[in-house]
Protein backbone atom coordinates (compact mmCIF):
# COMPACT_ATOMS: atom_id res chain seq x y z
CA MET A 1 83.39 109.58 70.09
CA ARG A 2 80.18 109.03 72.06
CA GLU A 3 80.28 109.89 75.77
CA PRO A 4 79.57 106.94 78.06
CA ASP A 5 76.30 106.88 79.98
CA LEU A 6 76.95 107.88 83.61
CA TYR A 7 73.98 105.88 84.84
CA GLY A 8 75.21 102.84 82.93
CA LEU A 9 78.70 103.16 84.40
CA LEU A 10 77.32 103.37 87.94
CA ALA A 11 74.97 100.45 87.28
CA ALA A 12 77.85 98.33 85.96
CA ALA A 13 79.98 99.14 89.02
CA GLN A 14 77.04 98.44 91.30
CA SER A 15 76.39 95.04 89.73
CA ARG A 16 80.06 94.08 90.25
CA VAL A 17 79.98 95.16 93.89
CA ARG A 18 76.74 93.24 94.47
CA GLY A 19 78.31 90.15 92.94
CA ALA A 20 81.34 90.47 95.21
CA ARG A 21 79.06 90.98 98.23
CA ALA A 22 77.13 87.85 97.33
CA LEU A 23 80.38 85.89 97.19
CA LEU A 24 81.64 87.36 100.47
CA ALA A 25 78.40 86.49 102.27
CA ARG A 26 79.64 82.88 102.30
CA PRO A 27 83.39 83.28 103.00
CA ARG A 28 84.13 79.54 103.14
CA ALA A 29 82.72 78.96 99.67
CA CYS A 30 84.05 82.24 98.24
CA ASN A 31 86.25 82.05 95.16
CA LEU A 32 88.76 84.74 96.05
CA ASP A 33 90.02 85.22 92.47
CA GLU A 34 86.49 85.84 91.21
CA CYS A 35 85.82 88.26 94.07
CA VAL A 36 88.99 90.24 93.37
CA THR A 37 88.15 90.35 89.67
CA LEU A 38 84.70 91.77 90.43
CA PHE A 39 86.20 94.44 92.72
CA ARG A 40 88.75 95.42 90.06
CA GLU A 41 86.06 95.68 87.41
CA ALA A 42 83.95 97.84 89.74
CA GLN A 43 86.99 100.03 90.40
CA GLY A 44 87.53 100.41 86.66
CA TYR A 45 83.93 101.48 86.09
CA LEU A 46 84.14 103.94 89.00
CA GLU A 47 87.35 105.47 87.61
CA TRP A 48 85.72 105.78 84.20
CA PHE A 49 82.70 107.39 85.89
CA ARG A 50 84.97 109.84 87.76
CA ASP A 51 86.84 110.79 84.59
CA THR A 52 83.59 111.32 82.65
CA LEU A 53 81.73 113.26 85.35
CA PRO A 54 83.32 116.73 84.77
CA ARG A 55 82.38 116.70 81.06
CA ALA A 56 78.80 115.60 81.78
CA GLY A 57 77.72 118.75 83.57
CA PRO A 58 75.79 119.01 86.83
CA ALA A 59 74.69 115.74 88.38
CA GLY A 60 71.00 115.11 88.90
CA ARG A 61 69.30 113.79 92.01
CA GLU A 62 68.93 110.30 90.58
CA LEU A 63 72.65 110.09 89.81
CA ARG A 64 73.51 111.24 93.33
CA ARG A 65 71.10 108.73 94.85
CA GLN A 66 72.60 105.91 92.82
CA ALA A 67 76.14 106.99 93.77
CA THR A 68 75.16 107.14 97.46
CA THR A 69 73.65 103.65 97.25
CA LEU A 70 76.84 102.37 95.64
CA ALA A 71 78.94 103.96 98.39
CA ALA A 72 76.86 102.17 101.04
CA GLU A 73 77.24 98.86 99.21
CA LEU A 74 81.00 99.39 98.99
CA LEU A 75 81.16 99.99 102.75
CA GLN A 76 79.18 96.82 103.40
CA ALA A 77 81.43 94.84 101.06
CA GLY A 78 84.45 96.21 102.93
CA VAL A 79 83.00 94.97 106.23
CA LEU A 80 82.33 91.53 104.73
CA LEU A 81 85.84 91.41 103.33
CA GLU A 82 87.33 92.36 106.70
CA GLN A 83 85.25 89.69 108.49
CA GLY A 84 86.27 87.08 105.95
CA ALA A 85 89.93 87.95 106.38
CA ARG A 86 89.66 87.84 110.17
CA LEU A 87 87.84 84.49 110.16
CA GLY A 88 90.33 83.16 107.62
CA ARG A 89 93.26 84.15 109.86
CA ARG A 90 91.61 82.44 112.83
CA TRP A 91 90.98 79.30 110.80
CA LEU A 92 94.58 79.22 109.59
CA ALA A 93 95.88 79.78 113.13
CA SER A 94 93.79 76.89 114.45
CA LEU A 95 94.95 74.71 111.58
CA ARG A 96 98.59 75.50 112.35
CA ALA A 97 98.05 74.74 116.03
CA ALA A 98 96.60 71.32 115.18
CA ALA A 99 99.36 70.40 112.72
CA PRO A 100 101.75 67.72 114.01
CA GLU A 101 105.28 68.76 114.83
CA TYR A 102 108.30 66.75 113.75
CA THR A 103 111.72 66.24 115.23
CA ALA A 104 114.98 66.62 113.30
CA SER A 105 114.92 62.88 112.59
CA GLY A 106 111.47 63.11 111.00
CA ASN A 107 109.47 61.49 113.80
CA GLU A 108 106.33 63.06 115.19
CA VAL A 109 106.68 64.80 118.53
CA PRO A 110 104.67 62.97 121.21
CA VAL A 111 101.35 64.59 122.07
CA HIS A 112 101.50 66.67 125.23
CA ILE A 113 98.56 65.85 127.46
CA ARG A 114 97.47 68.83 129.45
CA GLY A 115 95.89 68.51 132.85
CA ARG A 116 96.33 66.01 135.64
CA ILE A 117 95.57 62.37 136.00
CA SER A 118 93.94 61.47 139.28
CA LEU A 119 94.09 58.00 140.74
CA LEU A 120 91.33 58.77 143.20
CA GLY A 121 88.82 59.92 140.65
């Protein structure tokens, strides 16, 4: 059986991570299923790379450079993912706060007006 190309495995993982980063750059338009699929594919390629690395012998400078670049891209994707999750939680919290409440009979609870009404202006 032919050994897989280490550079090809890293390049495939890197392309998946870049695709996920591109999706995460616009969190409101991000298709979460597609993003998760890209991350899982990248993880699969990285595991394959890790399993193949001991049989390949010493790693060259180019392979190390490419692996370092991929590590930086993974960190950036993690930051984007964290920001998207935080903004998503805020958006959901604001949506819940704006949702109307209902009584046991099914009627909407009257809106509570905050502040004071002044007759003098």
